[in-house]
Amino acid sequence: MDEFAKKVRDRRLQEKLSQQELADRVGISRNYLSQIERGQATNLSWQLMEKLTSILGLKGDPTVTQAEMADIPLSLAEFAKSAGLPADDTIMLARLKYRGQQPTTPEKWELLYNVIKMTVGK
C-alpha cells in the first residue's frame, strides 16, 4: 500500500467515515475509493487527490508534504521558490507527468502552472 493510500484509509477511519460516506463527499464510487485505499488505483487526478486531502484534512499534514517534497525536481523547486507557491501546489505539480515526462525548466513549470490555474479558474 502506498503512503497516500494509507493516509486516506487511516484518516477516514479516524473520522469514523464509512467508505460510502467519503466516496459520496468526494463524488466517486465506493468501489473506486476502496481501490484507492488499497493502493490499486494508480494515476489519480490531482483534482481527486485535492478533494480527498481537503475533505480528510490532510492538506496541511506535514508528513504528506515532507515525504513528497524530497521528490521535487530541481527545476520545479526553483520555480516554486521564485513564485512563492504553496507546498500543496508544488506537490500537485510534482505528481504530474505526460507520457512519463515532466517539464525540465522553471519556465516550463511556470507555463504548466498558469495553464492549470486558467483551466481551473483560480
Protein backbone atom coordinates (compact mmCIF):
# COMPACT_ATOMS: atom_id res chain seq x y z
CA MET A 1 0.00 0.00 0.00
CA ASP A 2 1.45 3.37 -0.94
CA GLU A 3 1.74 6.23 1.55
CA PHE A 4 -1.14 8.27 0.13
CA ALA A 5 -3.47 5.24 0.18
CA LYS A 6 -2.57 4.52 3.80
CA LYS A 7 -3.13 8.15 4.83
CA VAL A 8 -6.55 8.24 3.15
CA ARG A 9 -7.64 4.99 4.81
CA ASP A 10 -6.25 5.90 8.24
CA ARG A 11 -7.80 9.38 8.24
CA ARG A 12 -11.16 8.06 7.02
CA LEU A 13 -11.18 5.59 9.92
CA GLN A 14 -10.10 8.33 12.38
CA GLU A 15 -13.01 10.46 11.19
CA LYS A 16 -15.33 7.46 11.58
CA LEU A 17 -16.50 7.70 7.98
CA SER A 18 -17.63 4.71 6.00
CA GLN A 19 -16.19 4.24 2.54
CA GLN A 20 -19.60 5.09 1.12
CA GLU A 21 -19.83 8.35 3.10
CA LEU A 22 -16.39 9.50 1.98
CA ALA A 23 -16.99 8.40 -1.61
CA ASP A 24 -20.24 10.40 -1.68
CA ARG A 25 -18.47 13.51 -0.36
CA VAL A 26 -15.70 13.20 -2.92
CA GLY A 27 -18.02 12.29 -5.80
CA ILE A 28 -16.65 8.84 -6.64
CA SER A 29 -17.91 5.30 -6.26
CA ARG A 30 -17.30 3.33 -3.07
CA ASN A 31 -15.53 0.70 -5.16
CA TYR A 32 -13.10 3.28 -6.56
CA LEU A 33 -12.39 4.61 -3.06
CA SER A 34 -11.68 1.04 -1.95
CA GLN A 35 -9.18 0.67 -4.80
CA ILE A 36 -7.54 3.96 -3.80
CA GLU A 37 -7.22 2.86 -0.17
CA ARG A 38 -5.65 -0.45 -1.20
CA GLY A 39 -3.19 1.32 -3.48
CA GLN A 40 -4.66 -0.38 -6.54
CA ALA A 41 -5.90 2.82 -8.20
CA THR A 42 -2.92 4.47 -9.78
CA ASN A 43 -2.56 7.72 -11.67
CA LEU A 44 -5.17 9.61 -9.63
CA SER A 45 -6.03 13.01 -11.00
CA TRP A 46 -4.72 15.93 -8.99
CA GLN A 47 -8.31 17.17 -8.64
CA LEU A 48 -9.31 13.93 -6.93
CA MET A 49 -6.25 13.97 -4.69
CA GLU A 50 -7.01 17.59 -3.82
CA LYS A 51 -10.61 16.69 -2.89
CA LEU A 52 -9.51 13.76 -0.74
CA THR A 53 -6.81 15.73 1.08
CA SER A 54 -9.15 18.67 1.61
CA ILE A 55 -12.12 16.65 2.87
CA LEU A 56 -9.94 14.50 5.13
CA GLY A 57 -7.94 17.44 6.46
CA LEU A 58 -4.65 16.12 5.09
CA LYS A 59 -3.87 19.37 3.26
CA GLY A 60 -1.71 20.85 5.98
CA ASP A 61 -0.37 17.49 7.16
CA PRO A 62 3.41 17.95 7.31
CA THR A 63 4.06 14.22 6.90
CA VAL A 64 2.44 14.32 3.47
CA THR A 65 4.42 17.31 2.25
CA GLN A 66 7.77 16.31 3.76
CA ALA A 67 7.69 12.87 2.19
CA GLU A 68 6.76 14.23 -1.20
CA MET A 69 8.97 17.33 -1.10
CA ALA A 70 12.01 15.01 -1.36
CA ASP A 71 10.88 14.06 -4.88
CA ILE A 72 10.51 17.63 -6.20
CA PRO A 73 12.58 18.15 -9.38
CA LEU A 74 15.18 20.91 -9.04
CA SER A 75 13.66 22.97 -11.85
CA LEU A 76 10.25 22.81 -10.13
CA ALA A 77 11.79 23.75 -6.78
CA GLU A 78 13.38 26.79 -8.43
CA PHE A 79 10.06 27.86 -9.95
CA ALA A 80 8.14 27.22 -6.72
CA LYS A 81 10.59 29.30 -4.70
CA SER A 82 10.63 32.23 -7.13
CA ALA A 83 6.83 32.22 -7.49
CA GLY A 84 6.18 31.65 -3.79
CA LEU A 85 4.00 28.61 -4.49
CA PRO A 86 2.26 26.91 -1.57
CA ALA A 87 3.59 23.43 -0.79
CA ASP A 88 0.30 21.85 -1.89
CA ASP A 89 0.60 23.40 -5.36
CA THR A 90 4.24 22.35 -5.65
CA ILE A 91 3.38 18.77 -4.74
CA MET A 92 0.48 18.74 -7.19
CA LEU A 93 2.83 19.83 -9.98
CA ALA A 94 5.45 17.26 -8.99
CA ARG A 95 2.85 14.50 -9.40
CA LEU A 96 2.08 15.49 -12.99
CA LYS A 97 3.60 13.56 -15.85
CA TYR A 98 2.72 13.40 -19.50
CA ARG A 99 3.85 10.15 -21.11
CA GLY A 100 6.24 9.73 -18.22
CA GLN A 101 7.82 13.16 -18.71
CA GLN A 102 7.80 16.39 -16.72
CA PRO A 103 8.86 19.94 -17.58
CA THR A 104 12.62 20.42 -17.37
CA THR A 105 12.98 24.17 -16.76
CA PRO A 106 11.47 26.62 -14.28
CA GLU A 107 9.91 28.48 -17.24
CA LYS A 108 8.11 25.34 -18.45
CA TRP A 109 6.83 24.65 -14.91
CA GLU A 110 5.51 28.21 -14.79
CA LEU A 111 3.71 27.74 -18.11
CA LEU A 112 2.13 24.48 -16.90
CA TYR A 113 1.09 26.05 -13.61
CA ASN A 114 -0.51 29.03 -15.36
CA VAL A 115 -2.41 26.76 -17.75
CA ILE A 116 -3.78 24.79 -14.80
CA LYS A 117 -4.78 27.97 -12.98
CA MET A 118 -6.59 29.29 -16.06
CA THR A 119 -8.31 25.94 -16.66
CA VAL A 120 -9.49 25.54 -13.07
CA GLY A 121 -10.42 29.19 -12.79
CA LYS A 122 -8.39 30.19 -9.75
